[in-house]
Every structure is written in structure tokens, then in C-alpha cells.
Amino acid sequence: MQSQWTLDPVPAAAQPACLAPPSPRGINLAAAVRDACAAWWQALLTRRAGRQAAVALSDLDDHLLRDVGAPGWLLQETQVLREIEQNRLAHWLRT
């Protein structure tokens, strides 16, 4: 069985630029840009992992998800995915 998706801790490259040693001119622009890109990438990976979890669990019933202790955002996301699928099927049946 494959392991589940996990969210990695913030990598060292995503540390705020204020913690980096200052450059001789006072501002380390390259480090600030690198840190901003790393934070953006980490946020993208977090959203993607959440979406994958919602898709994987969308077939489960809300009661079962509550029983296993799923967070509220996951319950809402799976409900949205179920409604989208129901609307898609209803539209297909009407045509």
C-alpha cells in the first residue's frame, strides 16, 4: 500500500529574508526573491495536496468522514465535488 500524501515542513529556503544575514548594502534582494518563490511553491504544494485528499475521499459519506475525524474544510470540499458530479450527470441525462 502506498503511503498517504503528507505536507512537508517549510524548507530551509523558505525562511524569511529577515533571518538571512544582511548583505553589505543592507538588502539581500536575491534572497528575498528566492524566499518569496519558495513560499509560493510551498503554498501551491499545500493546496495541491489538499485537493488530492478531497478527490481521494470524495466517494466516502459525510458521516464516515466525521467518524474518522476529517477536518471541516475536507467535508466541504468533498461535498462540493459530489455536487459537481451530480450536476454533471443531471446535465448529461437532460440532453
N, C-alpha and C. Protein backbone atom coordinates (compact mmCIF):
# COMPACT_ATOMS: atom_id res chain seq x y z
N MET A 1 0.83 -1.17 0.00
CA MET A 1 0.00 0.00 0.00
C MET A 1 0.88 1.24 0.00
N GLN A 2 0.52 2.20 -0.81
CA GLN A 2 1.32 3.41 -0.89
C GLN A 2 1.02 4.30 0.30
N SER A 3 2.01 5.08 0.69
CA SER A 3 1.79 5.99 1.81
C SER A 3 0.91 7.15 1.37
N GLN A 4 0.26 7.76 2.31
CA GLN A 4 -0.62 8.88 2.03
C GLN A 4 0.19 10.14 1.78
N TRP A 5 -0.47 11.14 1.22
CA TRP A 5 0.18 12.42 0.98
C TRP A 5 0.45 13.09 2.32
N THR A 6 1.60 13.67 2.42
CA THR A 6 1.93 14.41 3.62
C THR A 6 2.45 15.78 3.21
N LEU A 7 2.28 16.72 4.10
CA LEU A 7 2.78 18.06 3.85
C LEU A 7 4.13 18.20 4.52
N ASP A 8 5.13 18.53 3.73
CA ASP A 8 6.48 18.68 4.26
C ASP A 8 6.56 19.97 5.06
N PRO A 9 7.42 20.00 6.07
CA PRO A 9 7.63 21.26 6.78
C PRO A 9 8.27 22.28 5.84
N VAL A 10 8.22 23.51 6.23
CA VAL A 10 8.76 24.58 5.39
C VAL A 10 10.25 24.33 5.18
N PRO A 11 10.70 24.29 3.91
CA PRO A 11 12.12 24.05 3.66
C PRO A 11 12.96 25.23 4.14
N ALA A 12 14.23 24.95 4.29
CA ALA A 12 15.14 26.00 4.78
C ALA A 12 15.18 27.19 3.83
N ALA A 13 14.96 26.95 2.52
CA ALA A 13 14.99 28.04 1.56
C ALA A 13 13.80 28.98 1.74
N ALA A 14 12.75 28.53 2.41
CA ALA A 14 11.56 29.36 2.58
C ALA A 14 11.61 30.19 3.86
N GLN A 15 12.75 30.20 4.55
CA GLN A 15 12.88 31.04 5.73
C GLN A 15 12.76 32.50 5.32
N PRO A 16 12.18 33.34 6.14
CA PRO A 16 12.03 34.76 5.78
C PRO A 16 13.38 35.40 5.52
N ALA A 17 13.38 36.37 4.62
CA ALA A 17 14.63 37.04 4.26
C ALA A 17 15.19 37.83 5.43
N CYS A 18 14.33 38.21 6.40
CA CYS A 18 14.83 38.99 7.53
C CYS A 18 15.76 38.15 8.40
N LEU A 19 15.69 36.81 8.31
CA LEU A 19 16.57 35.96 9.10
C LEU A 19 17.90 35.70 8.40
N ALA A 20 17.97 36.03 7.13
CA ALA A 20 19.23 35.84 6.39
C ALA A 20 20.22 36.93 6.82
N PRO A 21 21.50 36.61 6.79
CA PRO A 21 22.47 37.64 7.15
C PRO A 21 22.41 38.79 6.15
N PRO A 22 22.45 40.03 6.62
CA PRO A 22 22.34 41.16 5.71
C PRO A 22 23.56 41.27 4.81
N SER A 23 23.31 41.76 3.61
CA SER A 23 24.41 41.98 2.68
C SER A 23 25.11 43.29 3.05
N PRO A 24 26.24 43.53 2.46
CA PRO A 24 26.96 44.77 2.79
C PRO A 24 26.13 46.02 2.47
N ARG A 25 25.24 45.94 1.50
CA ARG A 25 24.42 47.09 1.15
C ARG A 25 23.16 47.17 2.00
N GLY A 26 22.87 46.16 2.81
CA GLY A 26 21.73 46.21 3.71
C GLY A 26 20.54 45.37 3.25
N ILE A 27 20.32 45.23 1.95
CA ILE A 27 19.17 44.48 1.45
C ILE A 27 19.68 43.34 0.56
N ASN A 28 19.22 42.16 0.85
CA ASN A 28 19.60 40.99 0.06
C ASN A 28 18.43 40.68 -0.86
N LEU A 29 18.35 41.33 -2.00
CA LEU A 29 17.23 41.21 -2.92
C LEU A 29 17.11 39.80 -3.48
N ALA A 30 18.22 39.19 -3.82
CA ALA A 30 18.17 37.83 -4.37
C ALA A 30 17.59 36.85 -3.36
N ALA A 31 17.97 37.00 -2.10
CA ALA A 31 17.45 36.11 -1.06
C ALA A 31 15.96 36.35 -0.85
N ALA A 32 15.53 37.61 -0.93
CA ALA A 32 14.12 37.93 -0.75
C ALA A 32 13.28 37.33 -1.89
N VAL A 33 13.77 37.42 -3.10
CA VAL A 33 13.06 36.84 -4.25
C VAL A 33 13.03 35.32 -4.12
N ARG A 34 14.15 34.72 -3.75
CA ARG A 34 14.21 33.28 -3.57
C ARG A 34 13.23 32.83 -2.48
N ASP A 35 13.18 33.56 -1.38
CA ASP A 35 12.28 33.21 -0.29
C ASP A 35 10.81 33.34 -0.71
N ALA A 36 10.51 34.38 -1.47
CA ALA A 36 9.13 34.56 -1.94
C ALA A 36 8.73 33.44 -2.89
N CYS A 37 9.63 33.04 -3.76
CA CYS A 37 9.35 31.94 -4.69
C CYS A 37 9.18 30.62 -3.93
N ALA A 38 10.01 30.39 -2.94
CA ALA A 38 9.91 29.16 -2.16
C ALA A 38 8.60 29.12 -1.37
N ALA A 39 8.19 30.26 -0.82
CA ALA A 39 6.93 30.30 -0.07
C ALA A 39 5.74 30.09 -1.01
N TRP A 40 5.80 30.67 -2.22
CA TRP A 40 4.74 30.47 -3.21
C TRP A 40 4.66 28.99 -3.59
N TRP A 41 5.80 28.37 -3.82
CA TRP A 41 5.82 26.97 -4.22
C TRP A 41 5.27 26.08 -3.10
N GLN A 42 5.63 26.37 -1.86
CA GLN A 42 5.13 25.58 -0.73
C GLN A 42 3.62 25.73 -0.60
N ALA A 43 3.09 26.93 -0.81
CA ALA A 43 1.64 27.15 -0.77
C ALA A 43 0.95 26.38 -1.89
N LEU A 44 1.55 26.36 -3.07
CA LEU A 44 0.99 25.61 -4.20
C LEU A 44 0.95 24.12 -3.89
N LEU A 45 2.01 23.58 -3.32
CA LEU A 45 2.04 22.17 -2.96
C LEU A 45 1.02 21.83 -1.88
N THR A 46 0.81 22.75 -0.94
CA THR A 46 -0.16 22.54 0.11
C THR A 46 -1.57 22.49 -0.46
N ARG A 47 -1.90 23.44 -1.36
CA ARG A 47 -3.22 23.43 -1.99
C ARG A 47 -3.42 22.17 -2.83
N ARG A 48 -2.39 21.76 -3.54
CA ARG A 48 -2.49 20.56 -4.38
C ARG A 48 -2.69 19.31 -3.54
N ALA A 49 -2.00 19.21 -2.41
CA ALA A 49 -2.17 18.05 -1.53
C ALA A 49 -3.57 18.02 -0.93
N GLY A 50 -4.09 19.18 -0.58
CA GLY A 50 -5.46 19.24 -0.07
C GLY A 50 -6.48 18.83 -1.11
N ARG A 51 -6.27 19.26 -2.33
CA ARG A 51 -7.18 18.89 -3.42
C ARG A 51 -7.12 17.39 -3.69
N GLN A 52 -5.92 16.81 -3.68
CA GLN A 52 -5.79 15.37 -3.89
C GLN A 52 -6.46 14.58 -2.79
N ALA A 53 -6.36 15.06 -1.57
CA ALA A 53 -7.02 14.39 -0.45
C ALA A 53 -8.53 14.45 -0.62
N ALA A 54 -9.05 15.60 -1.04
CA ALA A 54 -10.50 15.74 -1.23
C ALA A 54 -11.00 14.83 -2.35
N VAL A 55 -10.27 14.74 -3.43
CA VAL A 55 -10.67 13.88 -4.54
C VAL A 55 -10.63 12.41 -4.11
N ALA A 56 -9.60 12.04 -3.36
CA ALA A 56 -9.49 10.65 -2.93
C ALA A 56 -10.60 10.26 -1.97
N LEU A 57 -11.07 11.21 -1.17
CA LEU A 57 -12.09 10.91 -0.17
C LEU A 57 -13.50 11.31 -0.58
N SER A 58 -13.67 11.78 -1.82
CA SER A 58 -14.98 12.28 -2.24
C SER A 58 -16.03 11.17 -2.33
N ASP A 59 -15.62 9.93 -2.44
CA ASP A 59 -16.58 8.82 -2.52
C ASP A 59 -17.11 8.42 -1.16
N LEU A 60 -16.47 8.87 -0.09
CA LEU A 60 -16.91 8.50 1.24
C LEU A 60 -18.07 9.39 1.69
N ASP A 61 -18.93 8.84 2.51
CA ASP A 61 -20.08 9.56 3.05
C ASP A 61 -19.63 10.57 4.10
N ASP A 62 -20.42 11.64 4.27
CA ASP A 62 -20.08 12.66 5.27
C ASP A 62 -20.02 12.08 6.68
N HIS A 63 -20.92 11.17 6.98
CA HIS A 63 -20.94 10.57 8.32
C HIS A 63 -19.66 9.76 8.58
N LEU A 64 -19.21 9.06 7.56
CA LEU A 64 -17.98 8.28 7.71
C LEU A 64 -16.78 9.21 7.87
N LEU A 65 -16.77 10.30 7.11
CA LEU A 65 -15.66 11.24 7.24
C LEU A 65 -15.64 11.88 8.63
N ARG A 66 -16.81 12.19 9.17
CA ARG A 66 -16.86 12.75 10.53
C ARG A 66 -16.39 11.72 11.55
N ASP A 67 -16.75 10.45 11.33
CA ASP A 67 -16.34 9.40 12.26
C ASP A 67 -14.83 9.24 12.32
N VAL A 68 -14.15 9.41 11.19
CA VAL A 68 -12.70 9.27 11.19
C VAL A 68 -12.00 10.56 11.56
N GLY A 69 -12.77 11.64 11.79
CA GLY A 69 -12.18 12.89 12.26
C GLY A 69 -11.65 13.79 11.16
N ALA A 70 -12.30 13.79 10.00
CA ALA A 70 -11.86 14.66 8.91
C ALA A 70 -12.13 16.12 9.27
N PRO A 71 -11.23 17.03 8.90
CA PRO A 71 -11.46 18.44 9.21
C PRO A 71 -12.62 19.02 8.41
N GLY A 72 -13.13 20.15 8.86
CA GLY A 72 -14.28 20.78 8.22
C GLY A 72 -14.05 21.15 6.77
N TRP A 73 -12.85 21.64 6.45
CA TRP A 73 -12.60 22.03 5.06
C TRP A 73 -12.67 20.82 4.14
N LEU A 74 -12.29 19.66 4.64
CA LEU A 74 -12.33 18.46 3.81
C LEU A 74 -13.78 18.00 3.59
N LEU A 75 -14.61 18.14 4.62
CA LEU A 75 -16.02 17.82 4.46
C LEU A 75 -16.67 18.71 3.42
N GLN A 76 -16.37 20.01 3.47
CA GLN A 76 -16.94 20.94 2.50
C GLN A 76 -16.43 20.65 1.09
N GLU A 77 -15.16 20.38 0.97
CA GLU A 77 -14.58 20.13 -0.35
C GLU A 77 -15.16 18.86 -0.98
N THR A 78 -15.34 17.80 -0.20
CA THR A 78 -15.91 16.58 -0.74
C THR A 78 -17.38 16.78 -1.11
N GLN A 79 -18.09 17.60 -0.34
CA GLN A 79 -19.49 17.90 -0.68
C GLN A 79 -19.56 18.66 -2.00
N VAL A 80 -18.68 19.60 -2.20
CA VAL A 80 -18.65 20.36 -3.46
C VAL A 80 -18.35 19.42 -4.63
N LEU A 81 -17.40 18.52 -4.46
CA LEU A 81 -17.07 17.59 -5.54
C LEU A 81 -18.26 16.67 -5.86
N ARG A 82 -18.98 16.23 -4.84
CA ARG A 82 -20.16 15.40 -5.07
C ARG A 82 -21.24 16.17 -5.82
N GLU A 83 -21.47 17.43 -5.45
CA GLU A 83 -22.48 18.24 -6.12
C GLU A 83 -22.10 18.51 -7.57
N ILE A 84 -20.84 18.75 -7.83
CA ILE A 84 -20.39 18.96 -9.21
C ILE A 84 -20.66 17.72 -10.04
N GLU A 85 -20.34 16.55 -9.48
CA GLU A 85 -20.58 15.30 -10.21
C GLU A 85 -22.06 15.07 -10.43
N GLN A 86 -22.92 15.36 -9.44
CA GLN A 86 -24.36 15.20 -9.61
C GLN A 86 -24.89 16.14 -10.68
N ASN A 87 -24.43 17.39 -10.69
CA ASN A 87 -24.87 18.34 -11.71
C ASN A 87 -24.41 17.92 -13.10
N ARG A 88 -23.21 17.38 -13.19
CA ARG A 88 -22.71 16.93 -14.48
C ARG A 88 -23.56 15.78 -15.01
N LEU A 89 -23.88 14.84 -14.13
CA LEU A 89 -24.70 13.71 -14.56
C LEU A 89 -26.13 14.15 -14.89
N ALA A 90 -26.69 15.07 -14.11
CA ALA A 90 -28.03 15.56 -14.39
C ALA A 90 -28.08 16.29 -15.72
N HIS A 91 -27.05 17.07 -16.02
CA HIS A 91 -27.00 17.77 -17.30
C HIS A 91 -26.87 16.78 -18.45
N TRP A 92 -26.08 15.74 -18.27
CA TRP A 92 -25.91 14.73 -19.31
C TRP A 92 -27.21 14.00 -19.56
N LEU A 93 -27.99 13.70 -18.49
CA LEU A 93 -29.25 12.99 -18.64
C LEU A 93 -30.32 13.84 -19.30
N ARG A 94 -30.24 15.18 -19.13
CA ARG A 94 -31.22 16.07 -19.75
C ARG A 94 -31.02 16.21 -21.24
N THR A 95 -29.80 16.05 -21.72
CA THR A 95 -29.54 16.28 -23.15
C THR A 95 -29.76 15.03 -23.96
